[in-house]
Every structure is written in C-alpha cells, then in structure tokens.
Amino acid sequence: MSGEVAGAGARRPVAEGRDGSDVYRALRDAIASGRFQPNERLVEADLAERFLAGRSSIRAALVRLDQEGLVTLEPHRGGRVRLISEREAIEIEEVRIVLERLLARQAALKVTDQDLEALRETIGEMRRRLAQADPLGYSELNAKYHQRIWAIADHQTAARLLGTLKSQSIRFQYRTILRPGRTARSLEEHEAILEALTARDPARSEAAMEEHLSEVVETLRWAIDAQQRPPRWLPG
C-alpha cells in the first residue's frame, strides 16, 4: 500500500514490494520535494527501512542520483544530498533558458486546441492564486504550466534534462516569487507565452519563453544579492 513518508519520529513506508526503479523515483521525489535537506546524510540501512527496499536497490538508486547531481556519494557511508551553490543555481537557470526555448518552439509546432485549453485553465488558476496572495500556490501552478509545455513539445531528452535541473535547484525556486511585483509580472509573461502558442508561431513562442526565463534569472540574482546584503539597522 502506498503513502507519503511520515513526519519526524515515524517510519511509515512509502510503498512495499517495489523494484529498483520505484526506489529511485521515490528517493528522487523525496529529495526534490525537500523532505531531505541539502547536506543531509543518506544512510543505506536507514533508507532501506524507510522505503522497504533491499540494500542493493538503495545503492543503485544512490548511484543514479549521484550521476544526476542530486547526491554526492561517500565511500562505505552512503551519500549526502548535494548542496547546490548560489552560482550553480544561476547557471542552472541560464541553461534552462536554452532548453525551454527549444521546447517552446517545438510546442508551437505541435500544440492542439485541447492543449491550449488546458494551458488557459492553468493560467486562470494562476490568476486566482495571484488575487488570493498565494505565492506558493502560484509557484506550484507555474511548474505545472511549464511541464505541460514540455509534454506538448514531446522532446524527451530536453524534458529529462530540465527535470534534473529543476530538482537540483528546488531550494532556490521560492526566492524569486518573493520580489515585490514579481508574481504579477510572471503572470503577464506566461500569458504572452500562451498567446504565442495560440498563434502557432515558433519564433514568437521561443522569444516569449526567453524573455520570461531571463526575468527569472535576473530575479534570482536579485534574491541572492538581497540575502547577502547586511541588514540595515535603524537608529534607536
């Protein structure tokens, strides 16, 4: 029977009787969703108990995650969740621009009326979350919107690479929505992408995606700079 990992102090299994691929996906999801923190140790024996899996399946999953850059293996000790630096987070977003430009162009050539309707529904829900001042809910829909475009483009290699990159930079994704006015601007950018896809215009779709993600990079730079800036003390 399946279910989510329980909170601290519990050992509730995610699933039973799973094969190596299932263990890999469950562990990857736990890292990407933040249930394991950066630099947290991943002990094989503990993971085997937590996921009700054999040590060989856990070891194989850790090797795959090491290859994807989500885990750093430690000889005879399992591994750790890899800590992504701020510089690397920016570089990830810069690479993402290149890949998502490609997918936007491909999506414009393949998009159906049904696809467009689904994207419009997501935009409508994003608009509601903006009106409700719900930035975290908006961010989740933002990810859903992009993943739907990936699916429309049907470019498996680019989508796989993007999935890995997004998982690596998960702890940075919420910083960008904290900039004043950013969420409203983000919605406008997503609407521009939808308009370009509706026109089935590859060049326009690619340009709209590049403009949007360039703003994401600029906002991430702002967020990192703001965090590093010393506090401004007011006179008493």
C-alpha atoms as a PDB file:
ATOM      1  CA  MET A   1       0.000   0.000   0.000  1.00  0.00           C
ATOM      2  CA  SER A   2       1.386   3.399  -0.906  1.00  0.00           C
ATOM      3  CA  GLY A   3       1.543   6.673   1.016  1.00  0.00           C
ATOM      4  CA  GLU A   4       3.800   9.595   1.792  1.00  0.00           C
ATOM      5  CA  VAL A   5       6.744   9.447   4.132  1.00  0.00           C
ATOM      6  CA  ALA A   6       5.525  10.303   7.617  1.00  0.00           C
ATOM      7  CA  GLY A   7       6.859  13.159   9.676  1.00  0.00           C
ATOM      8  CA  ALA A   8       9.748  13.172  12.117  1.00  0.00           C
ATOM      9  CA  GLY A   9       9.894  10.260  14.522  1.00  0.00           C
ATOM     10  CA  ALA A  10       7.908   7.910  12.257  1.00  0.00           C
ATOM     11  CA  ARG A  11       8.987   5.187   9.845  1.00  0.00           C
ATOM     12  CA  ARG A  12       5.947   4.923   7.661  1.00  0.00           C
ATOM     13  CA  PRO A  13       6.859   3.286   4.331  1.00  0.00           C
ATOM     14  CA  VAL A  14       6.269   4.975   1.022  1.00  0.00           C
ATOM     15  CA  ALA A  15       5.494   1.706  -0.687  1.00  0.00           C
ATOM     16  CA  GLU A  16       6.016  -2.022  -0.413  1.00  0.00           C
ATOM     17  CA  GLY A  17       7.430  -4.566  -2.815  1.00  0.00           C
ATOM     18  CA  ARG A  18       8.937  -2.011  -5.174  1.00  0.00           C
ATOM     19  CA  ASP A  19      11.711  -2.667  -7.659  1.00  0.00           C
ATOM     20  CA  GLY A  20      14.888  -0.660  -8.149  1.00  0.00           C
ATOM     21  CA  SER A  21      13.256   1.904 -10.432  1.00  0.00           C
ATOM     22  CA  ASP A  22      10.480   2.519  -7.912  1.00  0.00           C
ATOM     23  CA  VAL A  23      13.034   3.094  -5.155  1.00  0.00           C
ATOM     24  CA  TYR A  24      14.975   5.515  -7.360  1.00  0.00           C
ATOM     25  CA  ARG A  25      11.836   7.526  -8.191  1.00  0.00           C
ATOM     26  CA  ALA A  26      10.666   7.619  -4.555  1.00  0.00           C
ATOM     27  CA  LEU A  27      14.060   8.760  -3.260  1.00  0.00           C
ATOM     28  CA  ARG A  28      14.434  11.305  -6.057  1.00  0.00           C
ATOM     29  CA  ASP A  29      10.991  12.726  -5.265  1.00  0.00           C
ATOM     30  CA  ALA A  30      11.829  12.931  -1.548  1.00  0.00           C
ATOM     31  CA  ILE A  31      14.979  14.933  -2.341  1.00  0.00           C
ATOM     32  CA  ALA A  32      13.318  17.176  -4.935  1.00  0.00           C
ATOM     33  CA  SER A  33      10.384  17.943  -2.628  1.00  0.00           C
ATOM     34  CA  GLY A  34      12.680  18.942   0.234  1.00  0.00           C
ATOM     35  CA  ARG A  35      11.951  16.031   2.567  1.00  0.00           C
ATOM     36  CA  PHE A  36      15.709  15.502   2.621  1.00  0.00           C
ATOM     37  CA  GLN A  37      17.704  18.673   3.193  1.00  0.00           C
ATOM     38  CA  PRO A  38      20.944  19.789   1.493  1.00  0.00           C
ATOM     39  CA  ASN A  39      23.960  18.015   3.035  1.00  0.00           C
ATOM     40  CA  GLU A  40      21.713  15.562   4.879  1.00  0.00           C
ATOM     41  CA  ARG A  41      23.277  12.107   5.129  1.00  0.00           C
ATOM     42  CA  LEU A  42      21.596   9.278   3.248  1.00  0.00           C
ATOM     43  CA  VAL A  43      22.453   6.082   5.119  1.00  0.00           C
ATOM     44  CA  GLU A  44      21.721   2.916   3.144  1.00  0.00           C
ATOM     45  CA  ALA A  45      20.382   0.967   6.129  1.00  0.00           C
ATOM     46  CA  ASP A  46      18.027   3.786   7.129  1.00  0.00           C
ATOM     47  CA  LEU A  47      16.804   4.256   3.551  1.00  0.00           C
ATOM     48  CA  ALA A  48      16.205   0.513   3.167  1.00  0.00           C
ATOM     49  CA  GLU A  49      13.995   0.561   6.258  1.00  0.00           C
ATOM     50  CA  ARG A  50      12.229   3.757   5.272  1.00  0.00           C
ATOM     51  CA  PHE A  51      11.408   2.622   1.743  1.00  0.00           C
ATOM     52  CA  LEU A  52      11.022  -1.102   2.484  1.00  0.00           C
ATOM     53  CA  ALA A  53      13.656  -1.952  -0.095  1.00  0.00           C
ATOM     54  CA  GLY A  54      16.802  -4.047  -0.318  1.00  0.00           C
ATOM     55  CA  ARG A  55      20.222  -2.502   0.188  1.00  0.00           C
ATOM     56  CA  SER A  56      21.165  -3.274  -3.420  1.00  0.00           C
ATOM     57  CA  SER A  57      18.148  -1.275  -4.687  1.00  0.00           C
ATOM     58  CA  ILE A  58      19.039   1.634  -2.414  1.00  0.00           C
ATOM     59  CA  ARG A  59      22.652   1.539  -3.562  1.00  0.00           C
ATOM     60  CA  ALA A  60      21.630   1.514  -7.237  1.00  0.00           C
ATOM     61  CA  ALA A  61      19.271   4.467  -6.650  1.00  0.00           C
ATOM     62  CA  LEU A  62      22.047   6.467  -4.965  1.00  0.00           C
ATOM     63  CA  VAL A  63      24.384   5.810  -7.894  1.00  0.00           C
ATOM     64  CA  ARG A  64      21.768   7.116 -10.353  1.00  0.00           C
ATOM     65  CA  LEU A  65      21.115  10.183  -8.217  1.00  0.00           C
ATOM     66  CA  ASP A  66      24.853  10.832  -7.985  1.00  0.00           C
ATOM     67  CA  GLN A  67      25.017  10.761 -11.782  1.00  0.00           C
ATOM     68  CA  GLU A  68      22.166  13.292 -11.918  1.00  0.00           C
ATOM     69  CA  GLY A  69      23.904  15.631  -9.485  1.00  0.00           C
ATOM     70  CA  LEU A  70      21.335  15.280  -6.694  1.00  0.00           C
ATOM     71  CA  VAL A  71      23.500  13.171  -4.373  1.00  0.00           C
ATOM     72  CA  THR A  72      27.193  13.044  -3.514  1.00  0.00           C
ATOM     73  CA  LEU A  73      28.348   9.500  -2.775  1.00  0.00           C
ATOM     74  CA  GLU A  74      30.632   8.824   0.185  1.00  0.00           C
ATOM     75  CA  PRO A  75      32.616   5.553   0.116  1.00  0.00           C
ATOM     76  CA  HIS A  76      31.216   2.992   2.585  1.00  0.00           C
ATOM     77  CA  ARG A  77      28.881   5.624   4.071  1.00  0.00           C
ATOM     78  CA  GLY A  78      26.062   6.013   1.563  1.00  0.00           C
ATOM     79  CA  GLY A  79      25.765   9.599   0.407  1.00  0.00           C
ATOM     80  CA  ARG A  80      24.598  13.132   1.084  1.00  0.00           C
ATOM     81  CA  VAL A  81      22.072  15.364  -0.593  1.00  0.00           C
ATOM     82  CA  ARG A  82      24.223  17.629  -2.734  1.00  0.00           C
ATOM     83  CA  LEU A  83      24.273  21.278  -1.776  1.00  0.00           C
ATOM     84  CA  ILE A  84      23.790  23.489  -4.826  1.00  0.00           C
ATOM     85  CA  SER A  85      25.696  26.756  -4.613  1.00  0.00           C
ATOM     86  CA  GLU A  86      24.133  30.081  -5.493  1.00  0.00           C
ATOM     87  CA  ARG A  87      26.412  30.412  -8.518  1.00  0.00           C
ATOM     88  CA  GLU A  88      25.365  26.976  -9.748  1.00  0.00           C
ATOM     89  CA  ALA A  89      21.694  27.836  -9.222  1.00  0.00           C
ATOM     90  CA  ILE A  90      22.087  30.819 -11.561  1.00  0.00           C
ATOM     91  CA  GLU A  91      23.953  28.693 -14.107  1.00  0.00           C
ATOM     92  CA  ILE A  92      21.149  26.114 -13.976  1.00  0.00           C
ATOM     93  CA  GLU A  93      18.590  28.796 -14.812  1.00  0.00           C
ATOM     94  CA  GLU A  94      20.770  30.042 -17.677  1.00  0.00           C
ATOM     95  CA  VAL A  95      20.943  26.538 -19.147  1.00  0.00           C
ATOM     96  CA  ARG A  96      17.216  26.191 -18.614  1.00  0.00           C
ATOM     97  CA  ILE A  97      16.651  29.173 -20.929  1.00  0.00           C
ATOM     98  CA  VAL A  98      18.343  27.340 -23.796  1.00  0.00           C
ATOM     99  CA  LEU A  99      16.377  24.127 -23.278  1.00  0.00           C
ATOM    100  CA  GLU A 100      12.991  25.763 -22.727  1.00  0.00           C
ATOM    101  CA  ARG A 101      13.413  27.969 -25.783  1.00  0.00           C
ATOM    102  CA  LEU A 102      13.763  24.758 -27.785  1.00  0.00           C
ATOM    103  CA  LEU A 103      10.692  23.230 -26.160  1.00  0.00           C
ATOM    104  CA  ALA A 104       8.591  26.357 -26.712  1.00  0.00           C
ATOM    105  CA  ARG A 105       9.468  26.303 -30.406  1.00  0.00           C
ATOM    106  CA  GLN A 106       8.629  22.605 -30.663  1.00  0.00           C
ATOM    107  CA  ALA A 107       5.389  23.074 -28.729  1.00  0.00           C
ATOM    108  CA  ALA A 108       4.223  25.788 -31.126  1.00  0.00           C
ATOM    109  CA  LEU A 109       4.509  23.286 -33.963  1.00  0.00           C
ATOM    110  CA  LYS A 110       2.609  20.528 -32.151  1.00  0.00           C
ATOM    111  CA  VAL A 111       0.098  22.231 -29.857  1.00  0.00           C
ATOM    112  CA  THR A 112      -3.558  21.193 -30.182  1.00  0.00           C
ATOM    113  CA  ASP A 113      -6.735  23.044 -29.284  1.00  0.00           C
ATOM    114  CA  GLN A 114      -7.093  20.711 -26.300  1.00  0.00           C
ATOM    115  CA  ASP A 115      -3.572  21.579 -25.155  1.00  0.00           C
ATOM    116  CA  LEU A 116      -4.329  25.284 -25.413  1.00  0.00           C
ATOM    117  CA  GLU A 117      -7.497  24.905 -23.366  1.00  0.00           C
ATOM    118  CA  ALA A 118      -5.563  23.113 -20.619  1.00  0.00           C
ATOM    119  CA  LEU A 119      -2.959  25.891 -20.594  1.00  0.00           C
ATOM    120  CA  ARG A 120      -5.707  28.532 -20.379  1.00  0.00           C
ATOM    121  CA  GLU A 121      -7.208  26.727 -17.397  1.00  0.00           C
ATOM    122  CA  THR A 122      -3.851  26.749 -15.642  1.00  0.00           C
ATOM    123  CA  ILE A 123      -3.428  30.465 -16.389  1.00  0.00           C
ATOM    124  CA  GLY A 124      -6.881  31.094 -14.927  1.00  0.00           C
ATOM    125  CA  GLU A 125      -5.972  29.267 -11.726  1.00  0.00           C
ATOM    126  CA  MET A 126      -2.665  31.161 -11.545  1.00  0.00           C
ATOM    127  CA  ARG A 127      -4.613  34.390 -11.825  1.00  0.00           C
ATOM    128  CA  ARG A 128      -6.838  33.319  -8.930  1.00  0.00           C
ATOM    129  CA  ARG A 129      -3.838  32.435  -6.778  1.00  0.00           C
ATOM    130  CA  LEU A 130      -2.366  35.860  -7.514  1.00  0.00           C
ATOM    131  CA  ALA A 131      -5.613  37.533  -6.440  1.00  0.00           C
ATOM    132  CA  GLN A 132      -5.596  35.452  -3.250  1.00  0.00           C
ATOM    133  CA  ALA A 133      -1.999  36.497  -2.483  1.00  0.00           C
ATOM    134  CA  ASP A 134      -0.946  32.837  -2.516  1.00  0.00           C
ATOM    135  CA  PRO A 135       2.622  32.856  -3.931  1.00  0.00           C
ATOM    136  CA  LEU A 136       3.376  29.237  -3.028  1.00  0.00           C
ATOM    137  CA  GLY A 137       0.225  28.008  -4.752  1.00  0.00           C
ATOM    138  CA  TYR A 138       1.111  30.180  -7.731  1.00  0.00           C
ATOM    139  CA  SER A 139       4.606  28.694  -7.850  1.00  0.00           C
ATOM    140  CA  GLU A 140       3.215  25.148  -7.966  1.00  0.00           C
ATOM    141  CA  LEU A 141       0.969  26.078 -10.893  1.00  0.00           C
ATOM    142  CA  ASN A 142       3.908  27.798 -12.568  1.00  0.00           C
ATOM    143  CA  ALA A 143       5.781  24.470 -12.553  1.00  0.00           C
ATOM    144  CA  LYS A 144       2.695  22.670 -13.868  1.00  0.00           C
ATOM    145  CA  TYR A 145       2.386  25.172 -16.726  1.00  0.00           C
ATOM    146  CA  HIS A 146       5.969  24.667 -17.847  1.00  0.00           C
ATOM    147  CA  GLN A 147       5.765  20.887 -17.561  1.00  0.00           C
ATOM    148  CA  ARG A 148       2.667  20.892 -19.756  1.00  0.00           C
ATOM    149  CA  ILE A 149       4.616  22.762 -22.439  1.00  0.00           C
ATOM    150  CA  TRP A 150       7.391  20.182 -22.137  1.00  0.00           C
ATOM    151  CA  ALA A 151       4.826  17.436 -22.708  1.00  0.00           C
ATOM    152  CA  ILE A 152       3.367  19.211 -25.744  1.00  0.00           C
ATOM    153  CA  ALA A 153       6.837  19.631 -27.262  1.00  0.00           C
ATOM    154  CA  ASP A 154       7.444  15.881 -26.864  1.00  0.00           C
ATOM    155  CA  HIS A 155      11.239  16.228 -26.774  1.00  0.00           C
ATOM    156  CA  GLN A 156      12.197  13.566 -24.267  1.00  0.00           C
ATOM    157  CA  THR A 157      15.877  14.424 -23.902  1.00  0.00           C
ATOM    158  CA  ALA A 158      15.299  18.113 -23.232  1.00  0.00           C
ATOM    159  CA  ALA A 159      12.464  17.336 -20.809  1.00  0.00           C
ATOM    160  CA  ARG A 160      14.624  14.824 -18.928  1.00  0.00           C
ATOM    161  CA  LEU A 161      17.489  17.296 -18.598  1.00  0.00           C
ATOM    162  CA  LEU A 162      15.128  20.025 -17.423  1.00  0.00           C
ATOM    163  CA  GLY A 163      13.586  17.718 -14.829  1.00  0.00           C
ATOM    164  CA  THR A 164      17.015  17.052 -13.366  1.00  0.00           C
ATOM    165  CA  LEU A 165      17.998  20.723 -13.386  1.00  0.00           C
ATOM    166  CA  LYS A 166      14.772  21.753 -11.672  1.00  0.00           C
ATOM    167  CA  SER A 167      15.264  19.113  -8.992  1.00  0.00           C
ATOM    168  CA  GLN A 168      18.782  20.366  -8.297  1.00  0.00           C
ATOM    169  CA  SER A 169      17.671  23.978  -7.829  1.00  0.00           C
ATOM    170  CA  ILE A 170      14.463  23.277  -5.886  1.00  0.00           C
ATOM    171  CA  ARG A 171      15.540  25.195  -2.767  1.00  0.00           C
ATOM    172  CA  PHE A 172      16.022  28.388  -4.805  1.00  0.00           C
ATOM    173  CA  GLN A 173      12.701  28.361  -6.654  1.00  0.00           C
ATOM    174  CA  TYR A 174      10.675  30.163  -3.980  1.00  0.00           C
ATOM    175  CA  ARG A 175      13.150  33.035  -3.675  1.00  0.00           C
ATOM    176  CA  THR A 176      12.111  34.556  -6.995  1.00  0.00           C
ATOM    177  CA  ILE A 177       8.426  34.933  -6.087  1.00  0.00           C
ATOM    178  CA  LEU A 178       9.277  36.998  -3.006  1.00  0.00           C
ATOM    179  CA  ARG A 179      10.380  40.019  -5.037  1.00  0.00           C
ATOM    180  CA  PRO A 180       7.685  42.709  -4.861  1.00  0.00           C
ATOM    181  CA  GLY A 181       5.575  42.698  -8.023  1.00  0.00           C
ATOM    182  CA  ARG A 182       7.304  39.635  -9.445  1.00  0.00           C
ATOM    183  CA  THR A 183       4.290  37.307  -9.347  1.00  0.00           C
ATOM    184  CA  ALA A 184       2.092  39.734 -11.298  1.00  0.00           C
ATOM    185  CA  ARG A 185       4.825  40.244 -13.877  1.00  0.00           C
ATOM    186  CA  SER A 186       5.337  36.479 -14.105  1.00  0.00           C
ATOM    187  CA  LEU A 187       1.660  36.004 -14.928  1.00  0.00           C
ATOM    188  CA  GLU A 188       1.931  38.503 -17.782  1.00  0.00           C
ATOM    189  CA  GLU A 189       4.932  36.613 -19.141  1.00  0.00           C
ATOM    190  CA  HIS A 190       3.077  33.292 -19.036  1.00  0.00           C
ATOM    191  CA  GLU A 191       0.109  34.882 -20.816  1.00  0.00           C
ATOM    192  CA  ALA A 192       2.484  36.113 -23.547  1.00  0.00           C
ATOM    193  CA  ILE A 193       3.802  32.571 -23.993  1.00  0.00           C
ATOM    194  CA  LEU A 194       0.239  31.288 -24.290  1.00  0.00           C
ATOM    195  CA  GLU A 195      -0.628  33.935 -26.906  1.00  0.00           C
ATOM    196  CA  ALA A 196       2.398  32.907 -28.976  1.00  0.00           C
ATOM    197  CA  LEU A 197       1.495  29.225 -28.732  1.00  0.00           C
ATOM    198  CA  THR A 198      -2.098  30.016 -29.675  1.00  0.00           C
ATOM    199  CA  ALA A 199      -0.779  31.709 -32.817  1.00  0.00           C
ATOM    200  CA  ARG A 200       1.277  28.554 -33.530  1.00  0.00           C
ATOM    201  CA  ASP A 201       4.259  30.878 -34.014  1.00  0.00           C
ATOM    202  CA  PRO A 202       7.549  29.058 -33.193  1.00  0.00           C
ATOM    203  CA  ALA A 203       9.801  32.143 -33.244  1.00  0.00           C
ATOM    204  CA  ARG A 204       7.395  34.194 -31.123  1.00  0.00           C
ATOM    205  CA  SER A 205       6.938  31.331 -28.653  1.00  0.00           C
ATOM    206  CA  GLU A 206      10.692  30.927 -28.307  1.00  0.00           C
ATOM    207  CA  ALA A 207      11.159  34.661 -27.766  1.00  0.00           C
ATOM    208  CA  ALA A 208       8.377  34.838 -25.162  1.00  0.00           C
ATOM    209  CA  MET A 209       9.912  31.945 -23.238  1.00  0.00           C
ATOM    210  CA  GLU A 210      13.366  33.518 -23.363  1.00  0.00           C
ATOM    211  CA  GLU A 211      12.018  36.832 -22.069  1.00  0.00           C
ATOM    212  CA  HIS A 212      10.235  35.081 -19.209  1.00  0.00           C
ATOM    213  CA  LEU A 213      13.195  32.966 -18.088  1.00  0.00           C
ATOM    214  CA  SER A 214      15.652  35.845 -18.461  1.00  0.00           C
ATOM    215  CA  GLU A 215      13.493  37.681 -15.927  1.00  0.00           C
ATOM    216  CA  VAL A 216      13.679  34.608 -13.661  1.00  0.00           C
ATOM    217  CA  VAL A 217      17.484  34.699 -13.802  1.00  0.00           C
ATOM    218  CA  GLU A 218      17.569  38.433 -13.075  1.00  0.00           C
ATOM    219  CA  THR A 219      15.168  37.972 -10.151  1.00  0.00           C
ATOM    220  CA  LEU A 220      17.228  35.104  -8.722  1.00  0.00           C
ATOM    221  CA  ARG A 221      20.315  37.308  -8.867  1.00  0.00           C
ATOM    222  CA  TRP A 222      18.353  39.981  -7.003  1.00  0.00           C
ATOM    223  CA  ALA A 223      17.207  37.478  -4.357  1.00  0.00           C
ATOM    224  CA  ILE A 224      20.720  36.160  -3.784  1.00  0.00           C
ATOM    225  CA  ASP A 225      22.109  39.683  -3.535  1.00  0.00           C
ATOM    226  CA  ALA A 226      19.359  40.685  -1.105  1.00  0.00           C
ATOM    227  CA  GLN A 227      20.138  37.714   1.123  1.00  0.00           C
ATOM    228  CA  GLN A 228      23.839  38.505   1.184  1.00  0.00           C
ATOM    229  CA  ARG A 229      23.323  42.207   1.829  1.00  0.00           C
ATOM    230  CA  PRO A 230      23.994  43.139   5.500  1.00  0.00           C
ATOM    231  CA  PRO A 231      20.928  44.229   7.500  1.00  0.00           C
ATOM    232  CA  ARG A 232      20.195  47.938   7.615  1.00  0.00           C
ATOM    233  CA  TRP A 233      19.992  49.000  11.251  1.00  0.00           C
ATOM    234  CA  LEU A 234      17.737  51.900  12.115  1.00  0.00           C
ATOM    235  CA  PRO A 235      18.878  54.426  14.737  1.00  0.00           C
ATOM    236  CA  GLY A 236      17.360  53.808  18.167  1.00  0.00           C
END
